[in-house]
Amino acid sequence: MQKVVLASGNQGKLKEFQQLLSGCGYEVLAQSDFNVPDVAETGLSFVENAIIKARHASLHSGLPAIADDSGLEVDALNGQPGIYSARFAGTPSNDQHNNEKLLADLADVPAANRSARFQCLLVYMQHHQDPTPLICQGSWDGRILFEAAGSNGFGYDPLFFVPEKNCSSAELPSSVKNAISHRGKAMHLLLQHWQK
């Protein structure tokens, strides 16, 4: 089984990646297993930050690395929180504070104007000097609810309404979410590349 390190400290992401790659011949390990220190996400885009994180995790672990930089883009907020999704409410950050800030910022925005999407940029590096990292992108369209619904998932999932399922992302079973989400779509592309 091929070992690969996930360049993230987010336990929700680790669980999703382990589920997505189970049975595919890959064992996804947390970067904390290798005492990988935090790295500054100084990029100005999802892809730049994903490359920074993957290169850093591979350097410190000695393993191939997957990095995911993802976030929520809300049209009424000109694409915010975007690359700052994890720390939208400032630091130290947590999901509850980020969700509260999002609801406050959208307080006067009617339902018809609350369109949003999750973006996921996934980067796979074979080693820390890999000059041609594999880059896969997935997006997931929906809209922002007026209040949280559901307890599954993490981040903005309780506020993200999925029209085709008529519920929030946090109300979906993990298997359904993983099949249709931004991360699931990006991972599907990555698996297609690996199978070649």
Protein backbone atom coordinates (compact mmCIF):
# COMPACT_ATOMS: atom_id res chain seq x y z
CA MET A 1 0.00 0.00 0.00
CA GLN A 2 1.35 3.43 -1.03
CA LYS A 3 1.71 5.84 1.86
CA VAL A 4 0.90 9.48 1.25
CA VAL A 5 0.85 12.35 3.73
CA LEU A 6 -2.04 14.79 3.87
CA ALA A 7 -0.74 18.34 4.24
CA SER A 8 -3.38 19.44 6.72
CA GLY A 9 -4.03 19.47 10.44
CA ASN A 10 -7.79 19.42 9.83
CA GLN A 11 -9.19 16.16 11.20
CA GLY A 12 -12.36 16.53 9.13
CA LYS A 13 -10.33 16.67 5.93
CA LEU A 14 -8.17 13.72 7.03
CA LYS A 15 -11.27 11.61 7.62
CA GLU A 16 -12.73 12.57 4.23
CA PHE A 17 -9.50 11.75 2.40
CA GLN A 18 -9.18 8.41 4.18
CA GLN A 19 -12.76 7.57 3.15
CA LEU A 20 -12.26 8.77 -0.43
CA LEU A 21 -9.06 6.74 -0.90
CA SER A 22 -10.05 3.61 1.01
CA GLY A 23 -9.74 0.60 -1.24
CA CYS A 24 -7.59 2.47 -3.79
CA GLY A 25 -4.20 1.25 -2.59
CA TYR A 26 -3.30 4.44 -0.70
CA GLU A 27 -2.88 4.92 3.01
CA VAL A 28 -3.44 8.57 3.95
CA LEU A 29 -1.40 9.67 6.95
CA ALA A 30 -1.73 12.88 8.92
CA GLN A 31 1.16 15.33 8.72
CA SER A 32 1.08 15.41 12.52
CA ASP A 33 2.38 11.79 12.43
CA PHE A 34 5.64 13.31 11.15
CA ASN A 35 5.69 16.43 13.33
CA VAL A 36 5.38 18.62 10.24
CA PRO A 37 5.44 22.22 11.46
CA ASP A 38 2.86 24.71 10.24
CA VAL A 39 3.71 26.63 7.09
CA ALA A 40 2.56 30.13 6.21
CA GLU A 41 -0.03 30.10 3.45
CA THR A 42 1.31 33.13 1.62
CA GLY A 43 -0.22 32.37 -1.78
CA LEU A 44 -2.89 34.57 -3.32
CA SER A 45 -4.90 31.67 -4.73
CA PHE A 46 -6.07 28.21 -3.72
CA VAL A 47 -3.57 26.54 -6.04
CA GLU A 48 -0.59 28.54 -4.74
CA ASN A 49 -1.43 27.67 -1.15
CA ALA A 50 -1.96 23.98 -1.98
CA ILE A 51 1.47 23.82 -3.64
CA ILE A 52 3.12 25.49 -0.64
CA LYS A 53 1.50 23.01 1.75
CA ALA A 54 2.21 19.89 -0.33
CA ARG A 55 5.88 20.78 -0.86
CA HIS A 56 6.31 21.50 2.86
CA ALA A 57 4.65 18.27 4.01
CA SER A 58 6.63 16.17 1.54
CA LEU A 59 9.90 17.80 2.59
CA HIS A 60 9.32 17.06 6.29
CA SER A 61 7.78 13.59 5.91
CA GLY A 62 9.86 12.22 3.04
CA LEU A 63 6.65 10.93 1.47
CA PRO A 64 4.50 11.92 -1.48
CA ALA A 65 2.01 14.55 -0.33
CA ILE A 66 -1.54 15.60 -1.06
CA ALA A 67 -2.57 19.12 -0.19
CA ASP A 68 -6.02 20.53 -0.50
CA ASP A 69 -6.67 24.21 -0.40
CA SER A 70 -10.35 24.79 -0.43
CA GLY A 71 -12.86 27.34 0.62
CA LEU A 72 -16.19 28.97 0.15
CA GLU A 73 -16.89 31.71 -2.39
CA VAL A 74 -20.03 33.77 -1.78
CA ASP A 75 -21.15 35.88 -4.71
CA ALA A 76 -22.80 38.59 -2.58
CA LEU A 77 -19.45 39.02 -0.78
CA ASN A 78 -17.41 39.30 -4.00
CA GLY A 79 -16.04 35.78 -3.58
CA GLN A 80 -15.21 36.05 0.10
CA PRO A 81 -14.18 34.32 2.27
CA GLY A 82 -12.25 32.51 -0.49
CA ILE A 83 -8.70 31.59 0.45
CA TYR A 84 -9.37 33.01 3.92
CA SER A 85 -12.28 30.62 4.62
CA ALA A 86 -10.59 28.86 7.54
CA ARG A 87 -9.76 32.15 9.27
CA PHE A 88 -12.63 34.33 8.05
CA ALA A 89 -13.49 35.50 11.58
CA GLY A 90 -9.84 36.09 12.48
CA THR A 91 -7.41 34.05 14.54
CA PRO A 92 -7.60 31.92 16.49
CA SER A 93 -10.31 30.59 14.21
CA ASN A 94 -13.02 28.01 14.58
CA ASP A 95 -16.01 26.86 12.57
CA GLN A 96 -18.59 28.45 14.84
CA HIS A 97 -17.04 31.93 14.67
CA ASN A 98 -16.58 31.69 10.89
CA ASN A 99 -20.21 30.65 10.43
CA GLU A 100 -21.44 33.44 12.71
CA LYS A 101 -19.47 36.03 10.73
CA LEU A 102 -20.79 34.68 7.43
CA LEU A 103 -24.39 34.90 8.65
CA ALA A 104 -23.82 38.42 9.99
CA ASP A 105 -22.25 39.58 6.71
CA LEU A 106 -25.23 38.19 4.77
CA ALA A 107 -27.92 39.34 7.22
CA ASP A 108 -29.57 41.71 4.72
CA VAL A 109 -29.06 39.55 1.63
CA PRO A 110 -32.25 37.85 0.33
CA ALA A 111 -32.34 34.13 -0.47
CA ALA A 112 -32.20 34.74 -4.23
CA ASN A 113 -28.82 36.49 -3.88
CA ARG A 114 -27.10 34.00 -1.55
CA SER A 115 -25.46 31.89 -4.25
CA ALA A 116 -22.13 30.34 -3.31
CA ARG A 117 -19.77 27.55 -4.18
CA PHE A 118 -17.13 25.48 -2.53
CA GLN A 119 -13.83 25.29 -4.41
CA CYS A 120 -11.17 22.62 -3.95
CA LEU A 121 -7.71 22.72 -5.45
CA LEU A 122 -5.92 19.46 -4.87
CA VAL A 123 -2.18 19.10 -5.40
CA TYR A 124 -0.23 15.85 -5.42
CA MET A 125 3.57 15.91 -5.25
CA GLN A 126 5.70 12.79 -5.62
CA HIS A 127 8.50 14.46 -3.64
CA HIS A 128 9.27 17.91 -2.29
CA GLN A 129 11.19 18.95 -5.42
CA ASP A 130 8.53 17.71 -7.83
CA PRO A 131 8.61 20.28 -10.69
CA THR A 132 5.29 19.13 -12.15
CA PRO A 133 2.79 18.60 -9.34
CA LEU A 134 -0.54 17.11 -10.31
CA ILE A 135 -3.27 19.74 -9.87
CA CYS A 136 -6.98 18.89 -9.80
CA GLN A 137 -9.89 21.27 -9.25
CA GLY A 138 -13.48 20.68 -8.21
CA SER A 139 -16.34 23.04 -7.41
CA TRP A 140 -19.76 22.56 -5.80
CA ASP A 141 -22.56 25.09 -6.28
CA GLY A 142 -25.20 25.92 -3.71
CA ARG A 143 -26.41 28.79 -1.59
CA ILE A 144 -26.06 30.02 1.97
CA LEU A 145 -28.87 29.31 4.40
CA PHE A 146 -30.17 31.78 7.00
CA GLU A 147 -29.38 29.38 9.85
CA ALA A 148 -27.36 26.22 10.38
CA ALA A 149 -28.88 22.82 9.64
CA GLY A 150 -27.36 19.40 10.28
CA SER A 151 -24.45 18.09 12.30
CA ASN A 152 -22.42 16.08 9.79
CA GLY A 153 -19.29 17.48 8.17
CA PHE A 154 -17.30 20.52 9.25
CA GLY A 155 -16.60 24.13 8.36
CA TYR A 156 -19.43 25.84 6.48
CA ASP A 157 -21.30 22.57 5.80
CA PRO A 158 -24.28 23.46 8.08
CA LEU A 159 -24.86 26.71 6.14
CA PHE A 160 -24.31 25.36 2.61
CA PHE A 161 -27.59 24.39 0.95
CA VAL A 162 -27.33 21.73 -1.77
CA PRO A 163 -30.25 22.30 -4.19
CA GLU A 164 -30.18 18.86 -5.84
CA LYS A 165 -30.47 17.18 -2.42
CA ASN A 166 -32.77 19.83 -0.87
CA CYS A 167 -30.76 19.96 2.35
CA SER A 168 -27.55 21.35 3.79
CA SER A 169 -24.21 19.68 3.23
CA ALA A 170 -24.18 18.86 6.95
CA GLU A 171 -27.41 16.86 6.53
CA LEU A 172 -25.93 14.55 3.91
CA PRO A 173 -24.47 11.16 4.79
CA SER A 174 -20.69 11.18 4.31
CA SER A 175 -20.90 8.74 1.39
CA VAL A 176 -23.28 11.04 -0.51
CA LYS A 177 -21.29 14.18 0.28
CA ASN A 178 -18.02 12.55 -0.80
CA ALA A 179 -19.56 11.60 -4.15
CA ILE A 180 -20.81 15.09 -5.09
CA SER A 181 -18.69 17.59 -3.17
CA HIS A 182 -15.92 19.84 -4.49
CA ARG A 183 -13.35 17.64 -2.75
CA GLY A 184 -14.95 14.47 -4.09
CA LYS A 185 -14.84 15.85 -7.64
CA ALA A 186 -11.19 16.91 -7.34
CA MET A 187 -10.29 13.54 -5.82
CA HIS A 188 -12.07 11.72 -8.65
CA LEU A 189 -9.86 13.59 -11.14
CA LEU A 190 -6.76 12.69 -9.11
CA LEU A 191 -7.72 9.01 -9.07
CA GLN A 192 -8.23 9.10 -12.84
CA HIS A 193 -4.69 10.46 -13.27
CA TRP A 194 -3.26 7.84 -10.90
CA GLN A 195 -4.98 5.03 -12.82
CA LYS A 196 -3.24 6.17 -16.02
